[in-house]
Protein backbone atom coordinates (compact mmCIF):
# COMPACT_ATOMS: atom_id res chain seq x y z
CA MET A 1 5.85 13.23 -40.31
CA SER A 2 2.65 14.20 -42.13
CA ARG A 3 -0.52 14.09 -40.06
CA GLU A 4 -3.93 15.64 -40.72
CA VAL A 5 -4.69 18.52 -38.35
CA VAL A 6 -8.09 19.96 -37.67
CA ARG A 7 -8.00 23.78 -37.11
CA LEU A 8 -10.58 25.47 -34.89
CA LEU A 9 -11.00 29.21 -34.13
CA LEU A 10 -12.59 30.50 -30.96
CA PRO A 11 -14.41 33.85 -30.89
CA PHE A 12 -12.77 36.68 -28.99
CA ALA A 13 -15.99 37.97 -27.45
CA ALA A 14 -19.32 36.39 -26.36
CA PRO A 15 -22.41 37.96 -24.79
CA ALA A 16 -22.41 38.07 -21.00
CA PRO A 17 -25.41 36.27 -19.41
CA GLU A 18 -27.25 39.49 -18.78
CA ARG A 19 -26.71 40.75 -22.39
CA LYS A 20 -29.68 40.20 -24.71
CA GLY A 21 -28.23 41.59 -27.92
CA LYS A 22 -25.61 39.98 -30.15
CA VAL A 23 -21.96 40.86 -30.00
CA THR A 24 -20.97 41.93 -33.50
CA ARG A 25 -17.48 42.11 -34.95
CA GLU A 26 -18.01 45.84 -35.38
CA LEU A 27 -18.87 46.34 -31.68
CA THR A 28 -15.86 44.28 -30.61
CA LEU A 29 -13.35 46.24 -32.71
CA ALA A 30 -14.87 49.56 -31.68
CA THR A 31 -14.72 48.59 -28.02
CA ILE A 32 -11.04 47.58 -28.25
CA PHE A 33 -10.21 50.84 -30.07
CA SER A 34 -12.15 52.98 -27.61
CA ILE A 35 -10.43 51.39 -24.61
CA THR A 36 -6.97 51.62 -26.24
CA GLU A 37 -7.52 55.23 -27.09
CA SER A 38 -8.78 56.10 -23.65
CA GLU A 39 -5.82 54.49 -21.91
CA LYS A 40 -3.25 56.25 -24.09
CA ASP A 41 -0.87 58.45 -22.09
CA LYS A 42 -1.59 61.99 -23.26
CA GLY A 43 1.87 63.24 -22.17
CA GLY A 44 2.58 66.51 -20.36
CA GLY A 45 4.33 66.99 -17.00
CA LEU A 46 5.27 70.14 -14.93
CA ILE A 47 8.99 69.94 -15.28
CA LEU A 48 9.89 67.41 -17.90
CA LYS A 49 7.38 67.50 -20.72
CA ARG A 50 6.51 64.05 -22.01
CA PRO A 51 5.28 63.68 -25.55
CA PRO A 52 1.96 61.84 -25.90
CA GLU A 53 1.89 58.15 -26.66
CA LYS A 54 0.91 56.99 -30.09
CA ILE A 55 -0.98 53.82 -30.87
CA LEU A 56 1.48 51.80 -32.98
CA PHE A 57 -1.04 49.06 -33.70
CA ILE A 58 -4.06 47.17 -32.45
CA SER A 59 -4.07 43.64 -33.76
CA GLU A 60 -5.98 40.45 -33.09
CA VAL A 61 -3.59 37.59 -32.27
CA CYS A 62 -4.45 33.90 -32.29
CA TYR A 63 -2.74 31.83 -29.58
CA PRO A 64 -2.37 28.15 -30.49
CA PHE A 65 -3.45 25.19 -28.42
CA TRP A 66 -3.12 21.53 -29.35
CA MET A 67 -5.64 18.78 -28.57
CA TYR A 68 -3.97 15.40 -28.93
CA PRO A 69 -6.36 12.36 -29.16
CA LEU A 70 -5.74 9.72 -26.54
CA GLY A 71 -8.49 7.13 -26.73
CA ASN A 72 -11.62 8.70 -25.27
CA ARG A 73 -9.63 11.59 -23.92
CA VAL A 74 -7.30 14.34 -25.17
CA LEU A 75 -4.15 15.90 -23.97
CA LEU A 76 -4.27 19.71 -24.02
CA PHE A 77 -1.06 21.54 -24.84
CA GLU A 78 -0.46 25.29 -25.24
CA GLY A 79 1.72 26.07 -28.18
CA PHE A 80 4.65 27.91 -26.64
CA GLY A 81 5.52 25.70 -23.78
CA ILE A 82 4.97 28.37 -21.18
CA LEU A 83 3.13 25.96 -18.96
CA LYS A 84 5.19 22.99 -17.77
CA HIS A 85 3.50 20.20 -15.94
CA GLU A 86 5.74 18.32 -13.56
CA ILE A 87 4.95 14.75 -12.68
CA PRO A 88 6.52 13.77 -9.38
CA PHE A 89 7.61 10.20 -9.22
CA ASP A 90 9.18 7.93 -6.56
CA ILE A 91 12.48 6.20 -7.29
CA LEU A 92 12.42 2.47 -6.61
CA PRO A 93 15.29 0.42 -5.22
CA ASP A 94 17.24 -1.30 -8.03
CA THR A 95 15.13 -4.40 -8.80
CA ARG A 96 17.74 -5.83 -11.16
CA VAL A 97 20.36 -6.05 -8.37
CA PHE A 98 17.82 -7.77 -6.11
CA GLN A 99 16.77 -10.21 -8.81
CA LYS A 100 20.30 -11.12 -9.75
CA GLU A 101 21.31 -11.73 -6.13
CA MET A 102 18.13 -13.78 -5.62
CA GLU A 103 18.86 -16.00 -8.60
CA VAL A 104 22.47 -16.60 -7.48
CA SER A 105 21.48 -17.37 -3.85
CA SER A 106 18.27 -19.33 -4.30
CA GLU A 107 19.54 -22.80 -5.10
CA ARG A 108 20.78 -23.74 -1.64
CA LEU A 109 18.63 -23.24 1.44
CA GLU A 110 21.47 -21.80 3.58
CA THR A 111 22.43 -19.10 0.96
CA TYR A 112 18.76 -18.31 0.29
CA LEU A 113 18.05 -17.75 4.03
CA ALA A 114 21.18 -15.56 4.24
CA PHE A 115 19.90 -13.59 1.15
CA LEU A 116 16.44 -13.06 2.74
CA ASN A 117 17.94 -11.86 6.04
CA HIS A 118 20.42 -9.57 4.28
CA ASN A 119 17.68 -8.00 2.07
CA LEU A 120 14.96 -7.88 4.64
CA ASN A 121 14.67 -4.09 4.40
CA TYR A 122 15.69 -3.71 0.75
CA PHE A 123 12.18 -2.54 -0.24
CA ARG A 124 11.33 -0.76 2.98
CA GLY A 125 11.03 2.66 1.20
CA PHE A 126 11.78 4.64 -1.88
CA LEU A 127 15.34 5.78 -2.66
CA GLY A 128 14.11 9.29 -3.38
CA SER A 129 11.90 11.20 -5.74
CA GLY A 130 12.21 12.84 -9.13
CA LYS A 131 10.17 14.96 -11.51
CA LYS A 132 9.15 14.30 -15.12
CA GLN A 133 8.47 17.59 -16.88
CA VAL A 134 5.94 17.71 -19.71
CA GLU A 135 6.36 20.83 -21.76
CA GLY A 136 3.21 22.80 -22.59
CA LEU A 137 0.80 20.32 -21.01
CA VAL A 138 -2.27 21.96 -19.46
CA THR A 139 -3.50 20.18 -16.29
CA ASP A 140 -5.02 23.01 -14.22
CA PRO A 141 -8.63 21.91 -13.63
CA SER A 142 -9.88 25.56 -13.76
CA PHE A 143 -8.07 26.18 -17.02
CA ILE A 144 -9.45 22.96 -18.57
CA GLU A 145 -13.00 23.66 -17.36
CA ASP A 146 -12.93 27.15 -18.87
CA PHE A 147 -11.35 25.89 -22.11
CA ILE A 148 -13.98 23.12 -22.59
CA LEU A 149 -16.82 25.62 -22.12
CA TYR A 150 -14.99 28.04 -24.46
CA LEU A 151 -14.54 25.28 -27.02
CA LYS A 152 -18.30 24.92 -27.54
CA SER A 153 -18.30 28.18 -29.54
CA ALA A 154 -15.42 27.16 -31.83
CA ARG A 155 -15.72 27.08 -35.61
CA ARG A 156 -13.64 25.06 -37.99
CA VAL A 157 -11.27 26.93 -40.32
CA ARG A 158 -9.73 25.49 -43.49
CA ASP A 159 -8.14 28.50 -45.10
CA VAL A 160 -6.00 31.44 -44.00
CA ILE A 161 -7.51 33.38 -41.14
CA PRO A 162 -7.76 36.96 -42.38
CA ASP A 163 -6.98 40.18 -40.48
CA ARG A 164 -5.32 38.30 -37.64
CA VAL A 165 -1.82 37.33 -36.54
CA VAL A 166 -1.75 33.58 -36.31
CA LEU A 167 1.08 32.57 -34.03
CA ILE A 168 3.14 29.68 -35.21
CA PRO A 169 3.50 27.33 -32.18
CA ARG A 170 6.96 26.55 -30.95
CA ILE A 171 5.58 23.17 -30.03
CA ASP A 172 4.71 21.88 -33.48
CA VAL A 173 3.25 18.52 -34.57
CA ASN A 174 6.58 16.69 -34.43
CA ARG A 175 7.33 18.11 -30.96
CA ILE A 176 3.82 17.08 -29.81
CA GLU A 177 4.55 13.55 -31.06
CA GLU A 178 7.86 13.54 -29.19
CA ILE A 179 6.21 14.76 -25.97
CA VAL A 180 3.36 12.25 -26.15
CA LYS A 181 5.86 9.50 -27.04
CA GLY A 182 7.88 10.55 -23.97
CA VAL A 183 4.70 10.39 -21.83
CA HIS A 184 3.89 6.93 -23.22
CA GLU A 185 7.44 5.79 -22.57
CA PHE A 186 7.21 7.15 -19.03
CA ILE A 187 3.94 5.20 -18.52
CA LYS A 188 5.60 2.06 -19.93
CA THR A 189 8.53 2.63 -17.56
CA LEU A 190 6.11 2.87 -14.65
CA GLU A 191 4.26 -0.25 -15.80
CA ALA A 192 7.50 -2.06 -16.37
CA ASP A 193 8.64 -1.14 -12.82
CA GLU A 194 5.39 -2.39 -11.42
CA ARG A 195 5.72 -5.64 -13.44
CA SER A 196 9.26 -6.08 -12.19
CA LEU A 197 8.09 -5.68 -8.59
CA ARG A 198 5.25 -8.18 -9.15
CA ASN A 199 7.70 -10.57 -10.85
CA ILE A 200 9.91 -10.38 -7.81
CA ILE A 201 6.88 -11.18 -5.58
CA ARG A 202 6.12 -14.22 -7.74
CA ALA A 203 9.72 -15.32 -7.86
CA LEU A 204 10.17 -14.88 -4.08
CA THR A 205 6.96 -16.74 -3.34
CA SER A 206 7.86 -19.53 -5.77
CA LYS A 207 11.43 -20.02 -4.53
CA THR A 208 10.35 -19.87 -0.89
CA GLN A 209 7.61 -22.44 -1.55
CA LYS A 210 10.15 -24.61 -3.33
CA HIS A 211 12.37 -24.67 -0.26
CA ILE A 212 9.33 -25.17 2.01
CA ASN A 213 8.23 -28.18 -0.10
CA ALA A 214 11.76 -29.57 0.11
CA LEU A 215 11.74 -29.18 3.88
CA MET A 216 8.35 -30.74 4.17
CA MET A 217 9.45 -33.74 2.00
CA GLY A 218 12.55 -33.94 4.21
CA SER A 219 10.37 -34.11 7.26
CA GLU A 220 8.31 -36.90 5.64
CA ARG A 221 11.55 -38.79 4.91
CA ILE A 222 12.69 -38.31 8.49
CA GLN A 223 9.32 -39.61 9.69
CA ARG A 224 9.47 -42.70 7.42
CA ARG A 225 13.07 -43.47 8.33
CA ALA A 226 12.32 -43.12 12.07
CA GLU A 227 9.31 -45.43 11.73
CA LYS A 228 11.43 -48.10 10.13
CA GLU A 229 14.13 -47.80 12.77
CA ILE A 230 11.53 -47.79 15.58
CA LYS A 231 9.91 -50.87 14.10
CA ARG A 232 13.22 -52.75 14.01
CA ALA A 233 14.05 -51.53 17.53
CA ARG A 234 10.64 -52.65 18.87
CA LYS A 235 11.21 -56.14 17.41
CA ARG A 236 14.51 -56.40 19.26
CA LEU A 237 12.79 -54.97 22.35
CA GLU A 238 9.96 -57.50 22.23
CA LYS A 239 12.45 -60.39 22.33
CA LYS A 240 14.36 -58.82 25.18
CA VAL A 241 11.13 -58.05 27.06
CA ASP A 242 9.97 -61.64 26.74
CA ALA A 243 13.30 -62.91 28.16
CA LEU A 244 13.22 -60.38 30.99
CA LYS A 245 9.66 -61.25 31.77
CA ARG A 246 10.46 -64.92 32.06
CA ILE A 247 13.39 -64.17 34.42
CA TYR A 248 11.29 -61.78 36.42
CA ASN A 249 8.42 -64.24 36.77
CA GLU A 250 10.85 -67.01 37.89
CA LYS A 251 12.42 -64.73 40.54
CA VAL A 252 9.05 -63.63 41.79
CA LEU A 253 7.82 -67.25 42.00
CA LYS A 254 10.97 -68.33 43.81
CA ALA A 255 10.76 -65.46 46.29
CA CYS A 256 7.09 -66.16 46.94
CA LYS A 257 7.76 -69.85 47.28
CA VAL A 258 10.38 -69.39 49.95
CA VAL A 259 8.20 -67.04 51.92
CA LYS A 260 5.20 -69.27 51.41
CA GLU A 261 7.03 -72.22 52.86
CA GLN A 262 8.18 -70.14 55.78
CA ILE A 263 4.66 -68.90 56.44
CA GLN A 264 3.33 -72.37 56.09
CA LYS A 265 5.66 -73.67 58.87
CA LEU A 266 4.61 -70.77 61.05
CA GLN A 267 0.97 -71.48 60.34
CA GLU A 268 1.42 -75.13 61.20
CA GLU A 269 3.04 -74.22 64.49
CA LYS A 270 0.24 -71.77 65.12
CA SER A 271 -2.36 -74.42 64.44
CA ASP A 272 -0.67 -76.82 66.81
CA LEU A 273 -0.54 -74.15 69.53
CA GLU A 274 -4.19 -73.28 68.98
CA ALA A 275 -5.12 -76.94 69.42
CA ARG A 276 -2.96 -77.26 72.48
CA LYS A 277 -4.58 -74.12 73.92
CA GLU A 278 -8.02 -75.63 73.39
CA ARG A 279 -7.08 -78.84 75.04
CA LEU A 280 -5.60 -76.91 78.00
CA LYS A 281 -8.83 -74.95 78.34
CA ALA A 282 -10.79 -78.24 78.50
CA TYR A 283 -8.34 -79.64 81.03
CA ILE A 284 -8.69 -76.53 83.17
CA ASP A 285 -12.47 -77.05 83.15
CA ARG A 286 -11.89 -80.62 84.32
CA CYS A 287 -9.56 -79.33 87.03
CA MET A 288 -12.24 -77.00 88.22
CA SER A 289 -14.70 -79.94 88.45
CA GLU A 290 -12.24 -82.07 90.38
CA ILE A 291 -11.40 -79.22 92.70
CA PHE A 292 -15.06 -78.83 93.45
CA ALA A 293 -15.46 -82.57 94.09
CA CYS A 294 -12.39 -82.64 96.35
CA LYS A 295 -13.70 -79.78 98.35
CA THR A 296 -16.96 -81.64 98.72
CA ARG A 297 -15.13 -84.78 99.96
CA ARG A 298 -12.67 -82.68 101.83
CA ASP A 299 -9.88 -84.48 100.16
CA GLU A 300 -7.03 -82.05 100.80
CA GLU A 301 -4.36 -84.05 99.02
CA ARG A 302 -6.27 -84.40 95.73
CA LEU A 303 -7.46 -80.78 96.05
CA ARG A 304 -3.88 -79.50 96.05
CA TYR A 305 -3.07 -81.75 93.08
CA TRP A 306 -5.90 -80.45 90.95
CA GLU A 307 -5.24 -76.84 91.95
CA THR A 308 -1.62 -77.36 90.91
CA GLU A 309 -2.67 -78.86 87.56
CA ARG A 310 -5.10 -75.96 87.03
CA GLU A 311 -2.40 -73.30 87.64
CA SER A 312 0.09 -75.14 85.56
CA SER A 313 -2.36 -75.32 82.64
CA LYS A 314 -3.10 -71.59 82.92
CA MET A 315 0.59 -70.74 82.81
CA GLU A 316 0.99 -72.88 79.69
CA ILE A 317 -1.96 -71.19 78.03
CA ASN A 318 -0.40 -67.76 78.68
CA LYS A 319 2.84 -69.00 77.09
CA ILE A 320 0.88 -70.31 74.10
CA LYS A 321 -0.91 -66.92 73.68
CA LYS A 322 2.46 -65.13 73.79
CA ARG A 323 3.84 -67.49 71.20
CA LEU A 324 0.76 -67.07 68.96
CA LYS A 325 1.34 -63.29 68.96
CA GLU A 326 4.97 -63.88 68.00
CA LEU A 327 3.87 -66.14 65.18
CA ASP A 328 1.38 -63.60 63.84
CA ALA A 329 4.15 -60.98 63.84
CA GLU A 330 6.53 -63.39 62.11
CA ILE A 331 3.90 -64.20 59.46
CA LYS A 332 3.22 -60.55 58.84
CA GLU A 333 6.93 -59.80 58.65
CA ALA A 334 7.37 -62.59 56.12
CA GLU A 335 4.55 -61.23 54.02
CA VAL A 336 6.06 -57.74 54.08
CA LEU A 337 9.44 -59.04 53.11
CA ARG A 338 7.84 -60.96 50.34
CA ASP A 339 6.04 -57.85 49.04
CA LEU A 340 9.26 -55.84 49.26
CA GLU A 341 11.18 -58.46 47.31
CA VAL A 342 8.48 -58.57 44.68
CA SER A 343 8.55 -54.76 44.40
CA ARG A 344 12.33 -54.80 44.17
CA LEU A 345 12.19 -57.34 41.44
CA ARG A 346 9.54 -55.32 39.61
CA SER A 347 11.70 -52.19 39.82
CA GLU A 348 14.64 -54.15 38.42
CA TYR A 349 12.45 -55.45 35.63
CA ASP A 350 11.08 -51.97 34.82
CA ALA A 351 14.63 -50.55 34.80
CA GLU A 352 15.88 -53.18 32.48
CA ILE A 353 12.77 -52.71 30.26
CA GLY A 354 13.47 -48.95 30.26
CA GLU A 355 17.04 -49.52 29.21
CA ALA A 356 15.83 -51.80 26.50
CA ASP A 357 13.26 -49.08 25.34
CA ALA A 358 15.93 -46.27 25.36
CA GLU A 359 16.82 -46.94 21.73
CA VAL A 360 13.25 -46.30 20.65
CA ARG A 361 13.09 -43.06 22.67
CA ARG A 362 16.41 -41.97 21.20
CA ILE A 363 15.15 -42.52 17.63
CA GLU A 364 11.94 -40.64 18.46
CA ALA A 365 13.88 -37.76 20.06
CA ILE A 366 16.12 -37.42 16.98
CA ARG A 367 13.06 -37.57 14.71
CA ASP A 368 11.18 -34.86 16.70
CA SER A 369 14.25 -32.63 16.89
CA GLU A 370 14.91 -32.78 13.14
CA ILE A 371 11.23 -32.23 12.19
CA LYS A 372 11.03 -29.32 14.68
CA ALA A 373 14.17 -27.78 13.13
CA ASN A 374 12.57 -28.02 9.67
CA GLU A 375 9.32 -26.46 11.01
CA GLU A 376 11.29 -23.54 12.50
CA ILE A 377 13.08 -22.98 9.18
CA ILE A 378 9.76 -23.09 7.31
CA LYS A 379 8.37 -20.47 9.71
CA THR A 380 11.51 -18.32 9.19
CA LEU A 381 11.17 -18.62 5.42
CA LYS A 382 7.45 -17.65 5.53
CA ASP A 383 8.09 -14.74 7.87
CA LEU A 384 11.02 -13.25 5.92
CA THR A 385 9.25 -13.67 2.58
CA PHE A 386 6.04 -12.15 3.94
CA LYS A 387 7.90 -9.09 5.25
CA ILE A 388 9.66 -8.47 1.94
CA VAL A 389 6.51 -9.11 -0.12
CA SER A 390 4.56 -6.77 2.15
CA GLN A 391 7.15 -4.03 1.61
CA ILE A 392 6.97 -4.51 -2.17
CA ASN A 393 3.15 -4.41 -2.11
CA SER A 394 3.37 -1.18 -0.08
CA LEU A 395 5.68 0.34 -2.70
CA ILE A 396 3.29 -0.62 -5.51
CA ASP A 397 0.28 0.82 -3.61
CA SER A 398 1.91 4.04 -2.53
CA ARG A 399 4.22 4.84 -5.50
CA ARG A 400 3.57 8.10 -7.32
CA PRO A 401 2.35 8.29 -9.98
CA ARG A 402 0.32 5.36 -11.11
CA PRO A 403 -0.11 4.97 -14.85
CA THR A 404 -3.81 5.71 -14.42
CA ASP A 405 -2.88 8.98 -12.67
CA ILE A 406 -1.07 10.14 -15.76
CA LEU A 407 -4.10 9.44 -17.93
CA LYS A 408 -6.07 11.73 -15.57
CA MET A 409 -4.00 14.65 -16.85
CA SER A 410 -6.00 14.34 -20.05
CA VAL A 411 -9.39 15.88 -20.83
CA PRO A 412 -12.42 13.59 -20.94
CA MET A 413 -13.32 14.30 -24.61
CA ALA A 414 -13.39 12.07 -27.66
CA LYS A 415 -11.29 13.42 -30.64
CA ARG A 416 -10.30 11.34 -33.60
CA LYS A 417 -7.86 13.82 -35.10
CA LEU A 418 -5.10 16.09 -33.83
CA THR A 419 -6.70 19.52 -33.35
CA LEU A 420 -5.09 22.96 -33.37
CA VAL A 421 -7.32 25.45 -31.51
CA TYR A 422 -6.71 29.19 -31.80
CA VAL A 423 -7.64 31.40 -28.84
CA PRO A 424 -7.82 35.03 -29.94
CA PHE A 425 -6.72 38.09 -27.97
CA PHE A 426 -6.12 41.66 -28.93
CA LEU A 427 -2.70 43.17 -28.54
CA ALA A 428 -2.31 46.98 -28.49
CA CYS A 429 1.12 48.65 -28.71
CA TYR A 430 1.80 52.22 -27.61
CA LYS A 431 4.93 54.05 -28.70
CA ARG A 432 6.64 57.08 -27.25
CA GLY A 433 9.96 57.78 -28.96
CA SER A 434 11.87 54.52 -28.98
CA LYS A 435 9.93 53.00 -26.17
CA ARG A 436 7.00 50.66 -26.58
CA ARG A 437 4.25 49.53 -24.19
CA TYR A 438 1.86 46.65 -24.70
CA THR A 439 -1.65 46.15 -23.55
CA VAL A 440 -3.46 42.81 -23.78
CA PHE A 441 -7.20 42.19 -24.21
CA PRO A 442 -7.75 38.53 -23.33
CA PRO A 443 -10.92 36.69 -24.42
CA SER A 444 -13.85 38.54 -22.97
CA LEU A 445 -17.58 38.58 -22.21
CA VAL A 446 -19.47 41.64 -23.39
CA GLY A 447 -21.99 43.12 -20.99
CA SER A 448 -24.87 45.54 -21.25
CA TYR A 449 -24.99 49.25 -20.31
CA GLY A 450 -26.69 49.02 -16.97
CA VAL A 451 -27.18 50.99 -13.75
CA SER A 452 -23.59 50.56 -12.59
CA ALA A 453 -22.28 52.00 -15.88
CA LYS A 454 -24.61 54.95 -15.64
CA PHE A 455 -23.69 55.51 -11.98
CA LYS A 456 -19.99 55.77 -13.08
CA GLY A 457 -20.74 58.09 -15.97
CA ALA A 458 -18.29 60.65 -14.63
CA LEU A 459 -15.53 58.39 -15.74
CA GLY A 460 -16.13 59.47 -19.33
CA ALA A 461 -14.56 57.37 -21.98
CA GLN A 462 -13.04 55.08 -19.31
CA ARG A 463 -16.46 53.57 -18.56
CA VAL A 464 -16.38 51.78 -21.91
CA ARG A 465 -13.79 49.53 -20.28
CA MET A 466 -16.72 48.15 -18.25
CA ILE A 467 -18.25 46.59 -21.35
CA LEU A 468 -15.57 43.85 -21.32
CA ARG A 469 -15.20 41.25 -18.59
CA GLU A 470 -12.48 38.64 -18.37
CA ARG A 471 -13.75 35.35 -19.70
CA SER A 472 -11.23 33.08 -18.00
CA ARG A 473 -8.63 34.06 -15.45
CA PRO A 474 -6.31 31.08 -16.22
CA ILE A 475 -6.35 31.82 -19.97
CA SER A 476 -5.79 35.53 -19.35
CA THR A 477 -2.89 34.72 -17.07
CA LEU A 478 -1.26 32.50 -19.75
CA ILE A 479 -1.61 35.18 -22.48
CA ASN A 480 -0.08 37.79 -20.16
CA LYS A 481 2.84 35.45 -19.50
CA PHE A 482 3.25 35.07 -23.25
CA ILE A 483 3.50 38.83 -23.66
CA ASP A 484 6.14 38.90 -20.88
CA ILE A 485 8.13 36.36 -22.89
CA VAL A 486 7.69 38.46 -26.08
CA GLU A 487 9.08 41.53 -24.34
CA ALA A 488 12.01 39.55 -23.00
CA GLU A 489 12.94 38.05 -26.45
CA PRO A 490 13.82 40.81 -28.97
CA LEU A 491 13.73 38.50 -32.04
CA LEU A 492 10.31 37.15 -31.10
CA GLU A 493 9.06 40.65 -30.41
CA GLU A 494 10.30 41.85 -33.71
CA ARG A 495 8.49 39.07 -35.58
CA ILE A 496 5.21 39.60 -33.72
CA ARG A 497 5.41 43.43 -34.01
CA SER A 498 6.03 43.16 -37.75
CA ALA A 499 3.07 40.78 -38.11
CA CYS A 500 0.82 42.98 -35.99
CA LEU A 501 1.67 46.09 -38.00
CA LYS A 502 0.43 44.30 -41.10
CA SER A 503 -2.80 43.22 -39.45
CA ASN A 504 -3.31 46.55 -37.60
CA ILE A 505 -7.07 47.19 -37.50
CA LEU A 506 -6.41 50.97 -37.54
CA ARG A 507 -4.67 50.80 -40.94
CA MET A 508 -6.95 48.47 -42.90
CA ARG A 509 -9.82 50.23 -44.69
CA ARG A 510 -12.30 47.40 -44.05
CA THR A 511 -11.68 47.22 -40.29
CA ARG A 512 -11.70 50.99 -39.94
CA LYS A 513 -15.21 51.00 -41.43
CA MET A 514 -16.20 48.29 -39.04
CA ILE A 515 -14.80 50.34 -36.11
CA LEU A 516 -16.77 53.42 -37.20
CA LYS A 517 -19.98 51.39 -37.33
CA GLY A 518 -19.17 49.84 -33.96
CA LEU A 519 -18.59 53.28 -32.41
CA SER A 520 -22.11 54.21 -33.38
CA ASN A 521 -23.38 51.09 -31.70
CA LEU A 522 -21.46 52.00 -28.52
CA SER A 523 -23.05 55.39 -28.60
CA THR A 524 -26.52 53.94 -29.15
CA GLU A 525 -26.05 51.59 -26.15
CA GLY A 526 -24.89 54.48 -23.98
CA TRP A 527 -21.20 53.55 -23.49
CA ILE A 528 -19.97 56.77 -25.03
CA ASN A 529 -21.63 60.17 -25.48
CA ASP A 530 -21.77 62.23 -28.61
CA GLU A 531 -18.71 64.23 -27.69
CA GLU A 532 -16.68 61.08 -27.05
CA LEU A 533 -18.01 59.61 -30.29
CA GLU A 534 -16.69 62.56 -32.31
CA GLU A 535 -13.33 62.44 -30.55
CA LEU A 536 -12.93 58.76 -31.27
CA LYS A 537 -13.91 59.18 -34.94
CA GLU A 538 -11.39 62.03 -35.21
CA ALA A 539 -8.65 59.85 -33.60
CA LEU A 540 -9.50 57.03 -35.98
CA THR A 541 -9.28 59.15 -39.07
CA LYS A 542 -5.88 60.69 -38.20
CA PRO A 543 -3.19 59.59 -40.60
CA ARG A 544 -0.86 56.88 -39.28
CA THR A 545 2.81 56.47 -39.96
């Protein structure tokens, strides 16, 4: 697939914050040569004499990085896939199995309830975890921060980059497209999983509500049916109550009438006795008057008569009083018996009315029982659905990663075109016999010859190493890992060594001149003394095989 690619080249060296002067190409090449020469093993040994190492080549190598546009962000890839970003993800329970069982079981309430109970803990947790590996993707915040700062000094290149080994990335444009496509597909899978979970929530809620609505409508039908049955039963009850009331009233009237007549007779007798008692009291008064008169006349015969009459009347009054008490008791007893009979009749009436009302109570009891059963089923449906939905929501909220999390792997930078960025480093190769040793100079900051360098002047040529400071630890670490891979892969080493021999700065006339000029600059700045300058010039001018 053809796609336009913008190519950018970063500088190997930049001035350190304390350095006021510029960092020229000549100074950079001279510094690399000086350090390489100073770190060369001179050979020797007391017992086994080692031959000195030779510098096979010093070459500038361009390591490729891809910047893939992604909206207002870019994905940063290193070109050899040394870095591998792993995206941990949680494995969901099989939603298709759940959905299929839900569809099969949702038509009838009984099977739907059984389905909810059986799958109550289906979404309680994840089945496990996995890892999605993205080859070459750079996500280390420190690496990205350093790279973005480094990128500010990049320049665009359109032609061949001279005097350098430009590494051909193993991760080419097509592979980048495949990786990004895989990332997009992974995001789509995550989004599809989330949609599937949310669809299950909607389906569960809808199907549960459907059964709840059916149960509520059923309760309304039960209520209407019961109202009709109660209305018919009450009409029958009203007729029966009227008949019972008439019978009750007749019995009460009859019972009261009998007692009333009995009490009336007792009252008449009582009235007669009361009248007789009053007459006797009056007769006794007369007897007392006659007794007094007889005593005055001293009529003994009549005195005895009236005294006898008086005593006889008193005795009769006592009998009347006794009878009056008996009559009061009999009247009271009759009233009590009457009240008891009325109460008994009332109880019989209430009992018969209760029996007549039992049909209404039975209908009401059946209605209440059926409605309560529906309400309990509705509560069960709501509880079970809520628990399952809560578990699903918990999975959605806690699942790693979210699609937005994957986008955070990208760099916040707007790029319209695919960009290939070259990060330069110097690679030096020493040779002793058939053995080779590599030294890497990662992108660096160039300092000034200050007090610390002067203090360590006894180090001789080694102090020139102090001019270079590592620009980025993460980038340096990656380049060193690359060299480890090169040494482990003979074919790759052969290709890179062959290319480096061609771009060896020690063999090309133009770069050798630049090194000579740069050595003079090092001497002027105080990094090397005159003796060291001459030794380095002599080493540079030696013929190379």
